[in-house]
């Protein structure tokens, strides 16, 4: 699918709805404010479980002890590296479309949309080179630790993640 030609979105539009903007999340800007905590924590977690698992494997520990640490090592590796790889992968597969009524987030075969006129809380996080993330939520308390297809788990929240020319998109959303 070519995100620059949003003809595929026409089947989801109402008769009086039209496309104002479409784009994809940009590359880079993977670190967030939460990483001030997550990076040191994930390194300590991963280092600790790798040391523990190495000690168990080097000594004649029971098989259960040897197997017990494997899931914790996997979680540690995901926290250190995997979450950034997953975020990059999800961004490559995500397309955003803004119409005069709604915002669409298309990931693989899943389409999410919101009416951005009724979401009372909006935050903008600016990144380098004009990129930014716009969050829509019905609550001022959002858990932004995880990224999953433009939405945050267990939250009534929707994000346009790391979009180029965020100021232009804000003007479009504001009706200017």
C-alpha atoms as a PDB file:
ATOM      1  CA  UNK A   1       0.000   0.000   0.000  1.00  0.00           C
ATOM      2  CA  UNK A   2       1.310   3.429  -0.919  1.00  0.00           C
ATOM      3  CA  UNK A   3       0.540   5.756   1.978  1.00  0.00           C
ATOM      4  CA  UNK A   4       1.056   8.829  -0.230  1.00  0.00           C
ATOM      5  CA  UNK A   5      -1.995   7.865  -2.312  1.00  0.00           C
ATOM      6  CA  UNK A   6      -4.687   7.267   0.320  1.00  0.00           C
ATOM      7  CA  UNK A   7      -7.260   5.919  -2.155  1.00  0.00           C
ATOM      8  CA  UNK A   8      -7.628   2.793  -0.018  1.00  0.00           C
ATOM      9  CA  UNK A   9      -9.159   4.960   2.730  1.00  0.00           C
ATOM     10  CA  UNK A  10     -12.101   6.021   0.529  1.00  0.00           C
ATOM     11  CA  UNK A  11     -14.055   2.902   1.436  1.00  0.00           C
ATOM     12  CA  UNK A  12     -14.066   4.000   5.107  1.00  0.00           C
ATOM     13  CA  UNK A  13     -15.093   7.619   4.542  1.00  0.00           C
ATOM     14  CA  UNK A  14     -18.584   9.037   4.900  1.00  0.00           C
ATOM     15  CA  UNK A  15     -19.980  10.939   1.883  1.00  0.00           C
ATOM     16  CA  UNK A  16     -19.083  14.382   3.303  1.00  0.00           C
ATOM     17  CA  UNK A  17     -15.639  13.346   4.585  1.00  0.00           C
ATOM     18  CA  UNK A  18     -12.346  14.089   2.801  1.00  0.00           C
ATOM     19  CA  UNK A  19      -8.626  13.603   3.460  1.00  0.00           C
ATOM     20  CA  UNK A  20      -6.664  16.554   4.852  1.00  0.00           C
ATOM     21  CA  UNK A  21      -3.325  14.838   5.576  1.00  0.00           C
ATOM     22  CA  UNK A  22      -1.727  11.421   5.443  1.00  0.00           C
ATOM     23  CA  UNK A  23       1.676  10.130   6.461  1.00  0.00           C
ATOM     24  CA  UNK A  24       3.754   7.609   8.336  1.00  0.00           C
ATOM     25  CA  UNK A  25       5.710   7.745  11.577  1.00  0.00           C
ATOM     26  CA  UNK A  26       9.273   8.853  10.998  1.00  0.00           C
ATOM     27  CA  UNK A  27      12.413   6.914  11.770  1.00  0.00           C
ATOM     28  CA  UNK A  28      14.424   7.711  14.863  1.00  0.00           C
ATOM     29  CA  UNK A  29      13.281   9.450  18.030  1.00  0.00           C
ATOM     30  CA  UNK A  30      12.874   6.084  19.725  1.00  0.00           C
ATOM     31  CA  UNK A  31      13.766   7.338  23.190  1.00  0.00           C
ATOM     32  CA  UNK A  32      11.057   8.915  25.335  1.00  0.00           C
ATOM     33  CA  UNK A  33      11.034  10.602  28.733  1.00  0.00           C
ATOM     34  CA  UNK A  34      10.189   7.251  30.331  1.00  0.00           C
ATOM     35  CA  UNK A  35      13.509   5.869  29.105  1.00  0.00           C
ATOM     36  CA  UNK A  36      15.300   7.923  31.765  1.00  0.00           C
ATOM     37  CA  UNK A  37      13.958   5.223  34.097  1.00  0.00           C
ATOM     38  CA  UNK A  38      13.568   2.292  31.706  1.00  0.00           C
ATOM     39  CA  UNK A  39      17.096   2.195  30.251  1.00  0.00           C
ATOM     40  CA  UNK A  40      18.946   1.869  33.585  1.00  0.00           C
ATOM     41  CA  UNK A  41      16.272  -0.475  34.968  1.00  0.00           C
ATOM     42  CA  UNK A  42      16.346  -2.730  31.914  1.00  0.00           C
ATOM     43  CA  UNK A  43      20.151  -2.895  31.926  1.00  0.00           C
ATOM     44  CA  UNK A  44      20.176  -3.806  35.633  1.00  0.00           C
ATOM     45  CA  UNK A  45      17.395  -6.376  35.129  1.00  0.00           C
ATOM     46  CA  UNK A  46      19.033  -7.971  32.114  1.00  0.00           C
ATOM     47  CA  UNK A  47      22.510  -7.935  33.660  1.00  0.00           C
ATOM     48  CA  UNK A  48      21.240  -9.460  36.888  1.00  0.00           C
ATOM     49  CA  UNK A  49      19.337 -12.298  35.257  1.00  0.00           C
ATOM     50  CA  UNK A  50      22.167 -13.056  32.825  1.00  0.00           C
ATOM     51  CA  UNK A  51      24.609 -13.300  35.746  1.00  0.00           C
ATOM     52  CA  UNK A  52      22.154 -15.492  37.654  1.00  0.00           C
ATOM     53  CA  UNK A  53      21.515 -17.745  34.645  1.00  0.00           C
ATOM     54  CA  UNK A  54      25.258 -18.021  33.910  1.00  0.00           C
ATOM     55  CA  UNK A  55      25.965 -19.079  37.505  1.00  0.00           C
ATOM     56  CA  UNK A  56      23.191 -21.666  37.399  1.00  0.00           C
ATOM     57  CA  UNK A  57      24.460 -23.080  34.101  1.00  0.00           C
ATOM     58  CA  UNK A  58      28.107 -23.184  35.245  1.00  0.00           C
ATOM     59  CA  UNK A  59      27.329 -25.134  38.393  1.00  0.00           C
ATOM     60  CA  UNK A  60      25.506 -28.398  38.800  1.00  0.00           C
ATOM     61  CA  UNK A  61      22.123 -26.839  39.543  1.00  0.00           C
ATOM     62  CA  UNK A  62      18.896 -28.769  38.971  1.00  0.00           C
ATOM     63  CA  UNK A  63      17.312 -28.582  35.526  1.00  0.00           C
ATOM     64  CA  UNK A  64      14.395 -26.563  36.894  1.00  0.00           C
ATOM     65  CA  UNK A  65      16.802 -23.793  38.005  1.00  0.00           C
ATOM     66  CA  UNK A  66      18.446 -23.770  34.579  1.00  0.00           C
ATOM     67  CA  UNK A  67      15.082 -23.455  32.801  1.00  0.00           C
ATOM     68  CA  UNK A  68      13.630 -21.010  35.346  1.00  0.00           C
ATOM     69  CA  UNK A  69      15.898 -18.129  34.322  1.00  0.00           C
ATOM     70  CA  UNK A  70      15.317 -18.346  30.557  1.00  0.00           C
ATOM     71  CA  UNK A  71      12.035 -16.353  30.519  1.00  0.00           C
ATOM     72  CA  UNK A  72      13.613 -13.663  32.709  1.00  0.00           C
ATOM     73  CA  UNK A  73      16.576 -13.384  30.329  1.00  0.00           C
ATOM     74  CA  UNK A  74      14.150 -13.050  27.400  1.00  0.00           C
ATOM     75  CA  UNK A  75      12.212 -10.302  29.200  1.00  0.00           C
ATOM     76  CA  UNK A  76      15.477  -8.516  29.982  1.00  0.00           C
ATOM     77  CA  UNK A  77      16.663  -8.689  26.371  1.00  0.00           C
ATOM     78  CA  UNK A  78      13.295  -7.379  25.196  1.00  0.00           C
ATOM     79  CA  UNK A  79      13.484  -4.448  27.629  1.00  0.00           C
ATOM     80  CA  UNK A  80      17.025  -3.553  26.552  1.00  0.00           C
ATOM     81  CA  UNK A  81      16.779  -4.118  22.765  1.00  0.00           C
ATOM     82  CA  UNK A  82      13.521  -5.693  21.687  1.00  0.00           C
ATOM     83  CA  UNK A  83      11.170  -2.847  22.513  1.00  0.00           C
ATOM     84  CA  UNK A  84      13.124  -0.530  20.198  1.00  0.00           C
ATOM     85  CA  UNK A  85      13.164  -3.121  17.424  1.00  0.00           C
ATOM     86  CA  UNK A  86       9.411  -3.651  17.893  1.00  0.00           C
ATOM     87  CA  UNK A  87       8.723   0.087  17.886  1.00  0.00           C
ATOM     88  CA  UNK A  88      10.694   0.494  14.635  1.00  0.00           C
ATOM     89  CA  UNK A  89       8.860  -2.441  13.053  1.00  0.00           C
ATOM     90  CA  UNK A  90       5.443  -1.103  14.082  1.00  0.00           C
ATOM     91  CA  UNK A  91       6.267   2.350  12.732  1.00  0.00           C
ATOM     92  CA  UNK A  92       7.211   0.899   9.334  1.00  0.00           C
ATOM     93  CA  UNK A  93       3.831  -0.830   9.099  1.00  0.00           C
ATOM     94  CA  UNK A  94       1.692   2.117  10.305  1.00  0.00           C
ATOM     95  CA  UNK A  95      -0.081   4.724   8.175  1.00  0.00           C
ATOM     96  CA  UNK A  96      -2.026   7.744   9.473  1.00  0.00           C
ATOM     97  CA  UNK A  97      -4.799   9.601   7.672  1.00  0.00           C
ATOM     98  CA  UNK A  98      -6.505  12.745   8.945  1.00  0.00           C
ATOM     99  CA  UNK A  99      -9.840  13.717   7.459  1.00  0.00           C
ATOM    100  CA  UNK A 100     -12.093  16.639   8.251  1.00  0.00           C
ATOM    101  CA  UNK A 101     -13.855  14.402  10.811  1.00  0.00           C
ATOM    102  CA  UNK A 102     -11.551  11.626  12.000  1.00  0.00           C
ATOM    103  CA  UNK A 103      -8.030  10.321  12.386  1.00  0.00           C
ATOM    104  CA  UNK A 104      -7.275   6.860  11.054  1.00  0.00           C
ATOM    105  CA  UNK A 105      -4.387   4.659  12.117  1.00  0.00           C
ATOM    106  CA  UNK A 106      -3.837   1.696   9.815  1.00  0.00           C
ATOM    107  CA  UNK A 107      -1.535  -1.105  10.923  1.00  0.00           C
ATOM    108  CA  UNK A 108      -1.373  -4.195   8.691  1.00  0.00           C
ATOM    109  CA  UNK A 109      -5.045  -5.225   8.507  1.00  0.00           C
ATOM    110  CA  UNK A 110      -6.190  -3.320  11.600  1.00  0.00           C
ATOM    111  CA  UNK A 111      -7.828   0.071  11.194  1.00  0.00           C
ATOM    112  CA  UNK A 112      -8.451   2.321  14.201  1.00  0.00           C
ATOM    113  CA  UNK A 113     -10.144   5.687  14.049  1.00  0.00           C
ATOM    114  CA  UNK A 114     -11.205   8.452  16.397  1.00  0.00           C
ATOM    115  CA  UNK A 115     -13.252  11.580  16.058  1.00  0.00           C
ATOM    116  CA  UNK A 116     -10.618  14.083  17.122  1.00  0.00           C
ATOM    117  CA  UNK A 117     -13.222  16.798  17.700  1.00  0.00           C
ATOM    118  CA  UNK A 118     -14.563  15.097  20.852  1.00  0.00           C
ATOM    119  CA  UNK A 119     -11.306  14.220  22.610  1.00  0.00           C
ATOM    120  CA  UNK A 120     -10.899  16.905  25.284  1.00  0.00           C
ATOM    121  CA  UNK A 121      -7.254  16.254  26.206  1.00  0.00           C
ATOM    122  CA  UNK A 122      -4.426  16.574  23.716  1.00  0.00           C
ATOM    123  CA  UNK A 123      -0.668  16.543  24.335  1.00  0.00           C
ATOM    124  CA  UNK A 124       2.133  17.246  21.904  1.00  0.00           C
ATOM    125  CA  UNK A 125       5.661  15.969  22.443  1.00  0.00           C
ATOM    126  CA  UNK A 126       8.120  17.614  20.091  1.00  0.00           C
ATOM    127  CA  UNK A 127      11.125  15.701  18.804  1.00  0.00           C
ATOM    128  CA  UNK A 128      14.126  16.649  16.695  1.00  0.00           C
ATOM    129  CA  UNK A 129      13.854  18.076  13.177  1.00  0.00           C
ATOM    130  CA  UNK A 130      10.156  19.033  13.347  1.00  0.00           C
ATOM    131  CA  UNK A 131       8.877  15.579  14.255  1.00  0.00           C
ATOM    132  CA  UNK A 132       6.460  15.082  17.111  1.00  0.00           C
ATOM    133  CA  UNK A 133       3.919  12.837  18.794  1.00  0.00           C
ATOM    134  CA  UNK A 134       0.334  13.941  19.310  1.00  0.00           C
ATOM    135  CA  UNK A 135      -1.705  12.087  21.946  1.00  0.00           C
ATOM    136  CA  UNK A 136      -5.470  12.191  22.299  1.00  0.00           C
ATOM    137  CA  UNK A 137      -6.952  10.976  25.550  1.00  0.00           C
ATOM    138  CA  UNK A 138     -10.019  11.313  27.740  1.00  0.00           C
ATOM    139  CA  UNK A 139      -7.725  11.353  30.760  1.00  0.00           C
ATOM    140  CA  UNK A 140      -4.768  13.522  31.685  1.00  0.00           C
ATOM    141  CA  UNK A 141      -3.077  10.464  33.188  1.00  0.00           C
ATOM    142  CA  UNK A 142      -1.707   8.363  30.340  1.00  0.00           C
ATOM    143  CA  UNK A 143       0.655   5.445  30.630  1.00  0.00           C
ATOM    144  CA  UNK A 144       3.117   5.979  27.779  1.00  0.00           C
ATOM    145  CA  UNK A 145       5.500   3.151  28.664  1.00  0.00           C
ATOM    146  CA  UNK A 146       4.401   0.963  25.780  1.00  0.00           C
ATOM    147  CA  UNK A 147       3.725   1.564  22.096  1.00  0.00           C
ATOM    148  CA  UNK A 148       1.265  -0.617  20.306  1.00  0.00           C
ATOM    149  CA  UNK A 149      -0.325   0.259  16.956  1.00  0.00           C
ATOM    150  CA  UNK A 150      -0.889   3.898  17.787  1.00  0.00           C
ATOM    151  CA  UNK A 151      -2.806   3.101  20.927  1.00  0.00           C
ATOM    152  CA  UNK A 152      -1.691   2.616  24.483  1.00  0.00           C
ATOM    153  CA  UNK A 153      -2.751  -0.568  26.242  1.00  0.00           C
ATOM    154  CA  UNK A 154      -5.538  -0.332  28.827  1.00  0.00           C
ATOM    155  CA  UNK A 155      -5.950   3.381  28.208  1.00  0.00           C
ATOM    156  CA  UNK A 156      -8.491   5.326  26.256  1.00  0.00           C
ATOM    157  CA  UNK A 157      -5.739   6.968  24.235  1.00  0.00           C
ATOM    158  CA  UNK A 158      -4.757   7.377  20.618  1.00  0.00           C
ATOM    159  CA  UNK A 159      -1.390   8.581  19.296  1.00  0.00           C
ATOM    160  CA  UNK A 160       0.080   9.922  16.099  1.00  0.00           C
ATOM    161  CA  UNK A 161       3.619   8.767  16.826  1.00  0.00           C
ATOM    162  CA  UNK A 162       6.707  10.634  15.584  1.00  0.00           C
ATOM    163  CA  UNK A 163       4.978  12.318  12.672  1.00  0.00           C
ATOM    164  CA  UNK A 164       6.898  14.672  10.373  1.00  0.00           C
ATOM    165  CA  UNK A 165       6.065  18.404  10.424  1.00  0.00           C
ATOM    166  CA  UNK A 166       4.041  18.132  13.612  1.00  0.00           C
ATOM    167  CA  UNK A 167       3.253  21.862  13.592  1.00  0.00           C
ATOM    168  CA  UNK A 168       1.483  21.548  10.237  1.00  0.00           C
ATOM    169  CA  UNK A 169      -0.549  18.601  11.540  1.00  0.00           C
ATOM    170  CA  UNK A 170      -1.496  20.580  14.662  1.00  0.00           C
ATOM    171  CA  UNK A 171      -2.724  23.434  12.429  1.00  0.00           C
ATOM    172  CA  UNK A 172      -4.775  20.944  10.393  1.00  0.00           C
ATOM    173  CA  UNK A 173      -6.299  19.457  13.545  1.00  0.00           C
ATOM    174  CA  UNK A 174      -7.046  22.940  14.869  1.00  0.00           C
ATOM    175  CA  UNK A 175      -8.864  23.868  11.664  1.00  0.00           C
ATOM    176  CA  UNK A 176      -6.381  26.557  10.629  1.00  0.00           C
END
